[in-house]
Amino acid sequence: MRVVIQRSKKASVTVEEKVAGAIEYGYVLLVGLTHTDTLEDVKYVAKKVAEIRLFEDEEGKMNKSILEHGGDILSVSQFTLYGDTRKGRRPSFIEAARPEVAYPLWDSFNEELRKLGLKVETGIFGAMMDVALVNDGPVTVIVESKSK
């Protein structure tokens, strides 16, 4: 499982000219799943996202998690995070989980974040989405379950 976290001042996902999800501030999560991911990976990454310290404290150091600082999550499923660009000019997506595997895991990931006390908005799985965000910082990090 691979999640790109972008600290955001404002973000939204639009599908067919309708807003599917929006937040004022917090994290935009681009969530990629591979065919070997499990619920254990989902729980690990959800806890890591909730507890990672990407917000400044009173001294200006990144010492606060989203749970401590406040903020919401906008979660967007993105199979292209598993695009392999090593050969040729067209990425191979063979490592990305098929929709029947990816959707339940992405849904479980969002539920785990909610269980941890976070408000989670989402895009629409499998849809063509327009994602708009004001990246705060910019602060962007990647969390992977295989690196635990």
N, C-alpha and C. Protein backbone atom coordinates (compact mmCIF):
# COMPACT_ATOMS: atom_id res chain seq x y z
N MET A 1 0.85 -1.17 0.00
CA MET A 1 0.00 0.00 0.00
C MET A 1 0.89 1.23 0.00
N ARG A 2 0.52 2.19 -0.81
CA ARG A 2 1.31 3.41 -0.96
C ARG A 2 0.36 4.60 -0.86
N VAL A 3 0.68 5.53 0.04
CA VAL A 3 -0.15 6.72 0.22
C VAL A 3 0.72 7.96 0.14
N VAL A 4 0.35 8.86 -0.76
CA VAL A 4 0.99 10.16 -0.84
C VAL A 4 0.14 11.11 0.00
N ILE A 5 0.77 11.70 1.02
CA ILE A 5 0.09 12.66 1.90
C ILE A 5 0.49 14.06 1.45
N GLN A 6 -0.49 14.89 1.17
CA GLN A 6 -0.24 16.29 0.85
C GLN A 6 -0.98 17.14 1.88
N ARG A 7 -0.21 17.88 2.65
CA ARG A 7 -0.84 18.78 3.61
C ARG A 7 -1.50 19.90 2.80
N SER A 8 -2.75 20.16 3.12
CA SER A 8 -3.54 21.04 2.28
C SER A 8 -4.29 22.09 3.09
N LYS A 9 -4.38 23.29 2.54
CA LYS A 9 -5.19 24.36 3.13
C LYS A 9 -6.63 24.27 2.69
N LYS A 10 -6.86 23.65 1.53
CA LYS A 10 -8.20 23.52 0.96
C LYS A 10 -8.11 22.53 -0.18
N ALA A 11 -9.11 21.64 -0.30
CA ALA A 11 -9.07 20.66 -1.37
C ALA A 11 -10.47 20.15 -1.69
N SER A 12 -10.62 19.70 -2.93
CA SER A 12 -11.91 19.13 -3.34
C SER A 12 -11.70 18.15 -4.48
N VAL A 13 -12.68 17.25 -4.63
CA VAL A 13 -12.72 16.32 -5.74
C VAL A 13 -14.05 16.52 -6.45
N THR A 14 -13.98 16.72 -7.76
CA THR A 14 -15.17 16.92 -8.57
C THR A 14 -15.27 15.79 -9.59
N VAL A 15 -16.47 15.24 -9.72
CA VAL A 15 -16.74 14.19 -10.70
C VAL A 15 -17.97 14.63 -11.49
N GLU A 16 -17.81 14.71 -12.80
CA GLU A 16 -18.91 15.14 -13.68
C GLU A 16 -19.56 16.43 -13.18
N GLU A 17 -18.71 17.39 -12.85
CA GLU A 17 -19.11 18.74 -12.43
C GLU A 17 -19.84 18.80 -11.09
N LYS A 18 -19.78 17.71 -10.32
CA LYS A 18 -20.36 17.69 -8.98
C LYS A 18 -19.26 17.41 -7.96
N VAL A 19 -19.27 18.18 -6.87
CA VAL A 19 -18.27 17.98 -5.82
C VAL A 19 -18.60 16.67 -5.08
N ALA A 20 -17.63 15.75 -5.11
CA ALA A 20 -17.81 14.47 -4.43
C ALA A 20 -17.33 14.54 -2.98
N GLY A 21 -16.29 15.34 -2.74
CA GLY A 21 -15.73 15.50 -1.41
C GLY A 21 -14.91 16.76 -1.34
N ALA A 22 -14.90 17.40 -0.16
CA ALA A 22 -14.13 18.63 0.01
C ALA A 22 -13.73 18.79 1.46
N ILE A 23 -12.56 19.41 1.69
CA ILE A 23 -12.10 19.74 3.04
C ILE A 23 -11.58 21.17 3.06
N GLU A 24 -11.58 21.77 4.21
CA GLU A 24 -11.00 23.11 4.37
C GLU A 24 -9.51 23.03 4.59
N TYR A 25 -9.04 22.19 5.51
CA TYR A 25 -7.62 21.97 5.71
C TYR A 25 -7.40 20.58 6.27
N GLY A 26 -6.21 20.09 6.08
CA GLY A 26 -5.88 18.74 6.54
C GLY A 26 -4.97 18.06 5.55
N TYR A 27 -5.32 16.83 5.19
CA TYR A 27 -4.51 16.05 4.25
C TYR A 27 -5.33 15.62 3.05
N VAL A 28 -4.72 15.71 1.88
CA VAL A 28 -5.21 15.02 0.71
C VAL A 28 -4.37 13.75 0.62
N LEU A 29 -5.04 12.61 0.56
CA LEU A 29 -4.36 11.31 0.47
C LEU A 29 -4.61 10.72 -0.91
N LEU A 30 -3.54 10.44 -1.63
CA LEU A 30 -3.63 9.68 -2.87
C LEU A 30 -3.26 8.26 -2.49
N VAL A 31 -4.20 7.34 -2.66
CA VAL A 31 -4.09 6.00 -2.09
C VAL A 31 -3.95 4.96 -3.20
N GLY A 32 -2.80 4.27 -3.21
CA GLY A 32 -2.58 3.20 -4.16
C GLY A 32 -2.49 1.86 -3.46
N LEU A 33 -3.10 0.87 -4.06
CA LEU A 33 -3.11 -0.48 -3.48
C LEU A 33 -2.57 -1.48 -4.50
N THR A 34 -1.84 -2.46 -3.98
CA THR A 34 -1.31 -3.51 -4.84
C THR A 34 -1.98 -4.84 -4.47
N HIS A 35 -1.82 -5.81 -5.32
CA HIS A 35 -2.55 -7.08 -5.16
C HIS A 35 -2.13 -7.88 -3.92
N THR A 36 -1.01 -7.54 -3.30
CA THR A 36 -0.58 -8.27 -2.10
C THR A 36 -0.98 -7.57 -0.80
N ASP A 37 -1.64 -6.42 -0.89
CA ASP A 37 -2.03 -5.69 0.32
C ASP A 37 -3.13 -6.42 1.09
N THR A 38 -3.09 -6.24 2.42
CA THR A 38 -4.04 -6.91 3.31
C THR A 38 -4.65 -5.88 4.26
N LEU A 39 -5.58 -6.33 5.08
CA LEU A 39 -6.15 -5.47 6.11
C LEU A 39 -5.09 -5.02 7.11
N GLU A 40 -4.08 -5.84 7.33
CA GLU A 40 -2.98 -5.45 8.21
C GLU A 40 -2.25 -4.23 7.64
N ASP A 41 -2.03 -4.22 6.33
CA ASP A 41 -1.40 -3.06 5.67
C ASP A 41 -2.27 -1.82 5.83
N VAL A 42 -3.56 -1.98 5.62
CA VAL A 42 -4.52 -0.89 5.74
C VAL A 42 -4.48 -0.28 7.14
N LYS A 43 -4.51 -1.12 8.16
CA LYS A 43 -4.49 -0.63 9.54
C LYS A 43 -3.17 0.07 9.86
N TYR A 44 -2.06 -0.51 9.40
CA TYR A 44 -0.75 0.09 9.64
C TYR A 44 -0.66 1.49 9.03
N VAL A 45 -1.06 1.61 7.77
CA VAL A 45 -0.95 2.90 7.07
C VAL A 45 -1.94 3.91 7.65
N ALA A 46 -3.14 3.50 8.00
CA ALA A 46 -4.11 4.42 8.59
C ALA A 46 -3.57 5.01 9.89
N LYS A 47 -3.00 4.16 10.73
CA LYS A 47 -2.42 4.62 12.01
C LYS A 47 -1.24 5.56 11.74
N LYS A 48 -0.41 5.22 10.77
CA LYS A 48 0.74 6.06 10.42
C LYS A 48 0.27 7.43 9.93
N VAL A 49 -0.73 7.46 9.07
CA VAL A 49 -1.27 8.73 8.56
C VAL A 49 -1.82 9.58 9.70
N ALA A 50 -2.56 8.97 10.60
CA ALA A 50 -3.16 9.70 11.71
C ALA A 50 -2.12 10.25 12.68
N GLU A 51 -1.00 9.54 12.83
CA GLU A 51 -0.03 9.91 13.86
C GLU A 51 1.22 10.61 13.34
N ILE A 52 1.43 10.62 12.03
CA ILE A 52 2.64 11.25 11.51
C ILE A 52 2.58 12.76 11.81
N ARG A 53 3.73 13.31 12.19
CA ARG A 53 3.77 14.71 12.64
C ARG A 53 4.18 15.63 11.49
N LEU A 54 3.19 16.22 10.85
CA LEU A 54 3.43 17.09 9.70
C LEU A 54 2.94 18.52 9.90
N PHE A 55 2.44 18.81 11.11
CA PHE A 55 1.99 20.17 11.43
C PHE A 55 2.93 20.79 12.45
N GLU A 56 3.12 22.10 12.33
CA GLU A 56 4.04 22.81 13.21
C GLU A 56 3.46 22.98 14.61
N ASP A 57 4.36 22.94 15.58
CA ASP A 57 3.99 23.27 16.96
C ASP A 57 4.23 24.77 17.16
N GLU A 58 4.18 25.21 18.41
CA GLU A 58 4.34 26.62 18.74
C GLU A 58 5.73 27.16 18.38
N GLU A 59 6.71 26.28 18.25
CA GLU A 59 8.07 26.68 17.91
C GLU A 59 8.38 26.55 16.42
N GLY A 60 7.36 26.21 15.63
CA GLY A 60 7.54 26.10 14.19
C GLY A 60 8.12 24.79 13.72
N LYS A 61 8.22 23.79 14.60
CA LYS A 61 8.74 22.48 14.22
C LYS A 61 7.57 21.54 13.90
N MET A 62 7.78 20.66 12.93
CA MET A 62 6.73 19.69 12.59
C MET A 62 6.67 18.64 13.69
N ASN A 63 5.85 18.94 14.69
CA ASN A 63 5.74 18.09 15.87
C ASN A 63 4.32 17.66 16.19
N LYS A 64 3.35 18.04 15.36
CA LYS A 64 1.95 17.72 15.65
C LYS A 64 1.35 16.88 14.54
N SER A 65 0.60 15.88 14.96
CA SER A 65 -0.14 15.06 14.01
C SER A 65 -1.45 15.75 13.66
N ILE A 66 -2.14 15.22 12.69
CA ILE A 66 -3.45 15.77 12.33
C ILE A 66 -4.44 15.57 13.48
N LEU A 67 -4.25 14.53 14.28
CA LEU A 67 -5.11 14.32 15.44
C LEU A 67 -4.91 15.42 16.49
N GLU A 68 -3.66 15.86 16.65
CA GLU A 68 -3.34 16.90 17.63
C GLU A 68 -3.65 18.30 17.10
N HIS A 69 -3.38 18.52 15.84
CA HIS A 69 -3.53 19.84 15.22
C HIS A 69 -4.97 20.11 14.80
N GLY A 70 -5.65 19.07 14.35
CA GLY A 70 -6.98 19.22 13.77
C GLY A 70 -6.88 19.23 12.25
N GLY A 71 -7.97 18.92 11.62
CA GLY A 71 -8.00 18.87 10.17
C GLY A 71 -8.74 17.63 9.71
N ASP A 72 -9.06 17.63 8.44
CA ASP A 72 -9.82 16.54 7.84
C ASP A 72 -9.00 15.85 6.77
N ILE A 73 -9.54 14.76 6.27
CA ILE A 73 -8.88 13.95 5.24
C ILE A 73 -9.74 13.96 3.98
N LEU A 74 -9.08 14.10 2.83
CA LEU A 74 -9.72 13.86 1.54
C LEU A 74 -8.97 12.71 0.91
N SER A 75 -9.61 11.55 0.82
CA SER A 75 -8.98 10.32 0.36
C SER A 75 -9.39 10.03 -1.08
N VAL A 76 -8.37 9.85 -1.93
CA VAL A 76 -8.60 9.63 -3.35
C VAL A 76 -7.87 8.36 -3.78
N SER A 77 -8.61 7.38 -4.25
CA SER A 77 -8.01 6.15 -4.74
C SER A 77 -7.27 6.45 -6.05
N GLN A 78 -6.02 5.95 -6.16
CA GLN A 78 -5.22 6.26 -7.34
C GLN A 78 -4.32 5.09 -7.70
N PHE A 79 -4.79 4.24 -8.61
CA PHE A 79 -4.03 3.05 -9.00
C PHE A 79 -2.73 3.42 -9.70
N THR A 80 -2.64 4.62 -10.25
CA THR A 80 -1.43 4.99 -10.99
C THR A 80 -0.20 5.14 -10.10
N LEU A 81 -0.39 5.13 -8.77
CA LEU A 81 0.77 5.16 -7.87
C LEU A 81 1.62 3.91 -8.02
N TYR A 82 1.05 2.85 -8.58
CA TYR A 82 1.82 1.63 -8.83
C TYR A 82 2.22 1.50 -10.30
N GLY A 83 2.30 2.61 -11.01
CA GLY A 83 2.78 2.60 -12.38
C GLY A 83 4.28 2.36 -12.41
N ASP A 84 4.71 1.39 -13.19
CA ASP A 84 6.13 1.06 -13.34
C ASP A 84 6.61 1.70 -14.64
N THR A 85 7.55 2.61 -14.53
CA THR A 85 8.03 3.36 -15.70
C THR A 85 9.43 2.94 -16.14
N ARG A 86 9.91 1.82 -15.65
CA ARG A 86 11.29 1.42 -15.95
C ARG A 86 11.51 1.04 -17.42
N LYS A 87 10.50 0.51 -18.09
CA LYS A 87 10.67 0.08 -19.47
C LYS A 87 9.73 0.85 -20.39
N GLY A 88 10.23 1.21 -21.53
CA GLY A 88 9.41 1.85 -22.54
C GLY A 88 8.90 3.23 -22.14
N ARG A 89 7.87 3.67 -22.85
CA ARG A 89 7.32 5.00 -22.61
C ARG A 89 5.93 4.96 -21.98
N ARG A 90 5.34 3.78 -21.90
CA ARG A 90 4.01 3.65 -21.30
C ARG A 90 4.16 2.91 -19.99
N PRO A 91 3.64 3.49 -18.88
CA PRO A 91 3.74 2.79 -17.59
C PRO A 91 2.98 1.46 -17.60
N SER A 92 3.52 0.52 -16.88
CA SER A 92 2.83 -0.75 -16.65
C SER A 92 2.14 -0.66 -15.30
N PHE A 93 0.89 -1.08 -15.24
CA PHE A 93 0.13 -1.02 -13.99
C PHE A 93 -0.15 -2.42 -13.43
N ILE A 94 0.70 -3.37 -13.78
CA ILE A 94 0.50 -4.75 -13.37
C ILE A 94 0.54 -4.92 -11.85
N GLU A 95 1.27 -4.04 -11.14
CA GLU A 95 1.36 -4.14 -9.68
C GLU A 95 0.16 -3.53 -8.96
N ALA A 96 -0.65 -2.75 -9.67
CA ALA A 96 -1.84 -2.15 -9.05
C ALA A 96 -2.90 -3.23 -8.84
N ALA A 97 -3.58 -3.16 -7.71
CA ALA A 97 -4.63 -4.14 -7.41
C ALA A 97 -5.81 -3.94 -8.36
N ARG A 98 -6.43 -5.04 -8.72
CA ARG A 98 -7.66 -5.00 -9.52
C ARG A 98 -8.75 -4.33 -8.68
N PRO A 99 -9.74 -3.72 -9.33
CA PRO A 99 -10.79 -3.01 -8.59
C PRO A 99 -11.51 -3.85 -7.54
N GLU A 100 -11.72 -5.12 -7.82
CA GLU A 100 -12.44 -5.97 -6.85
C GLU A 100 -11.63 -6.21 -5.58
N VAL A 101 -10.32 -6.02 -5.65
CA VAL A 101 -9.44 -6.11 -4.47
C VAL A 101 -9.23 -4.72 -3.87
N ALA A 102 -8.98 -3.75 -4.74
CA ALA A 102 -8.63 -2.40 -4.28
C ALA A 102 -9.78 -1.69 -3.59
N TYR A 103 -10.98 -1.77 -4.14
CA TYR A 103 -12.09 -1.00 -3.55
C TYR A 103 -12.37 -1.37 -2.10
N PRO A 104 -12.52 -2.67 -1.77
CA PRO A 104 -12.78 -3.00 -0.36
C PRO A 104 -11.65 -2.57 0.58
N LEU A 105 -10.41 -2.64 0.11
CA LEU A 105 -9.28 -2.22 0.95
C LEU A 105 -9.27 -0.70 1.13
N TRP A 106 -9.54 0.05 0.06
CA TRP A 106 -9.61 1.51 0.16
C TRP A 106 -10.74 1.92 1.09
N ASP A 107 -11.88 1.27 0.96
CA ASP A 107 -13.02 1.55 1.84
C ASP A 107 -12.66 1.24 3.29
N SER A 108 -11.99 0.13 3.54
CA SER A 108 -11.56 -0.23 4.90
C SER A 108 -10.55 0.78 5.43
N PHE A 109 -9.65 1.25 4.58
CA PHE A 109 -8.68 2.27 4.97
C PHE A 109 -9.39 3.54 5.46
N ASN A 110 -10.37 3.98 4.71
CA ASN A 110 -11.13 5.17 5.10
C ASN A 110 -11.87 4.95 6.41
N GLU A 111 -12.41 3.76 6.61
CA GLU A 111 -13.09 3.45 7.87
C GLU A 111 -12.12 3.41 9.04
N GLU A 112 -10.92 2.89 8.82
CA GLU A 112 -9.91 2.88 9.88
C GLU A 112 -9.55 4.30 10.30
N LEU A 113 -9.41 5.20 9.33
CA LEU A 113 -9.14 6.60 9.65
C LEU A 113 -10.28 7.19 10.48
N ARG A 114 -11.50 6.87 10.12
CA ARG A 114 -12.66 7.36 10.88
C ARG A 114 -12.65 6.81 12.31
N LYS A 115 -12.32 5.54 12.46
CA LYS A 115 -12.24 4.92 13.79
C LYS A 115 -11.19 5.62 14.66
N LEU A 116 -10.16 6.16 14.03
CA LEU A 116 -9.11 6.87 14.76
C LEU A 116 -9.52 8.30 15.11
N GLY A 117 -10.72 8.69 14.70
CA GLY A 117 -11.25 10.00 15.07
C GLY A 117 -11.17 11.08 14.01
N LEU A 118 -10.87 10.70 12.78
CA LEU A 118 -10.73 11.68 11.71
C LEU A 118 -11.99 11.75 10.85
N LYS A 119 -12.30 12.95 10.39
CA LYS A 119 -13.39 13.13 9.41
C LYS A 119 -12.78 12.86 8.05
N VAL A 120 -13.42 11.98 7.28
CA VAL A 120 -12.87 11.58 5.98
C VAL A 120 -13.89 11.84 4.88
N GLU A 121 -13.49 12.63 3.92
CA GLU A 121 -14.23 12.83 2.68
C GLU A 121 -13.51 12.00 1.62
N THR A 122 -14.22 11.62 0.55
CA THR A 122 -13.59 10.79 -0.47
C THR A 122 -13.95 11.26 -1.87
N GLY A 123 -13.12 10.80 -2.79
CA GLY A 123 -13.47 10.88 -4.20
C GLY A 123 -14.38 9.70 -4.50
N ILE A 124 -14.55 9.38 -5.76
CA ILE A 124 -15.37 8.25 -6.17
C ILE A 124 -14.46 7.21 -6.82
N PHE A 125 -14.44 6.03 -6.24
CA PHE A 125 -13.56 4.96 -6.70
C PHE A 125 -13.79 4.69 -8.19
N GLY A 126 -12.71 4.67 -8.95
CA GLY A 126 -12.77 4.31 -10.36
C GLY A 126 -13.22 5.41 -11.30
N ALA A 127 -13.64 6.54 -10.77
CA ALA A 127 -14.14 7.62 -11.61
C ALA A 127 -12.98 8.49 -12.10
N MET A 128 -13.21 9.20 -13.20
CA MET A 128 -12.30 10.25 -13.62
C MET A 128 -12.60 11.45 -12.74
N MET A 129 -11.60 11.91 -11.99
CA MET A 129 -11.82 12.96 -11.00
C MET A 129 -10.93 14.16 -11.27
N ASP A 130 -11.46 15.33 -10.96
CA ASP A 130 -10.67 16.55 -10.93
C ASP A 130 -10.36 16.82 -9.46
N VAL A 131 -9.08 16.79 -9.11
CA VAL A 131 -8.66 17.04 -7.74
C VAL A 131 -8.03 18.42 -7.69
N ALA A 132 -8.59 19.27 -6.83
CA ALA A 132 -8.05 20.62 -6.66
C ALA A 132 -7.56 20.75 -5.23
N LEU A 133 -6.36 21.34 -5.07
CA LEU A 133 -5.88 21.54 -3.71
C LEU A 133 -4.91 22.71 -3.67
N VAL A 134 -4.87 23.32 -2.49
CA VAL A 134 -3.86 24.30 -2.18
C VAL A 134 -2.91 23.57 -1.22
N ASN A 135 -1.74 23.20 -1.74
CA ASN A 135 -0.78 22.44 -0.95
C ASN A 135 -0.14 23.39 0.05
N ASP A 136 -0.20 23.01 1.32
CA ASP A 136 0.28 23.84 2.42
C ASP A 136 1.74 23.54 2.70
N GLY A 137 2.61 24.47 2.39
CA GLY A 137 4.03 24.31 2.71
C GLY A 137 4.93 24.59 1.52
N PRO A 138 4.98 23.75 0.53
CA PRO A 138 4.28 22.48 0.40
C PRO A 138 4.90 21.39 1.26
N VAL A 139 4.03 20.56 1.81
CA VAL A 139 4.45 19.39 2.57
C VAL A 139 3.83 18.18 1.89
N THR A 140 4.69 17.30 1.38
CA THR A 140 4.24 16.08 0.72
C THR A 140 5.17 14.95 1.14
N VAL A 141 4.59 13.86 1.66
CA VAL A 141 5.38 12.69 2.04
C VAL A 141 4.67 11.42 1.55
N ILE A 142 5.43 10.34 1.49
CA ILE A 142 4.89 9.06 1.07
C ILE A 142 5.01 8.07 2.22
N VAL A 143 3.91 7.34 2.45
CA VAL A 143 3.89 6.27 3.45
C VAL A 143 3.61 4.97 2.70
N GLU A 144 4.42 3.95 2.99
CA GLU A 144 4.23 2.65 2.36
C GLU A 144 4.17 1.56 3.41
N SER A 145 3.26 0.63 3.21
CA SER A 145 3.14 -0.46 4.19
C SER A 145 4.31 -1.44 4.06
N LYS A 146 4.89 -1.58 2.91
CA LYS A 146 5.98 -2.54 2.72
C LYS A 146 7.27 -2.09 3.39
N SER A 147 7.32 -0.84 3.82
CA SER A 147 8.53 -0.34 4.47
C SER A 147 8.43 -0.40 5.98
N LYS A 148 7.36 -1.02 6.51
CA LYS A 148 7.19 -1.07 7.97
C LYS A 148 8.18 -2.01 8.60
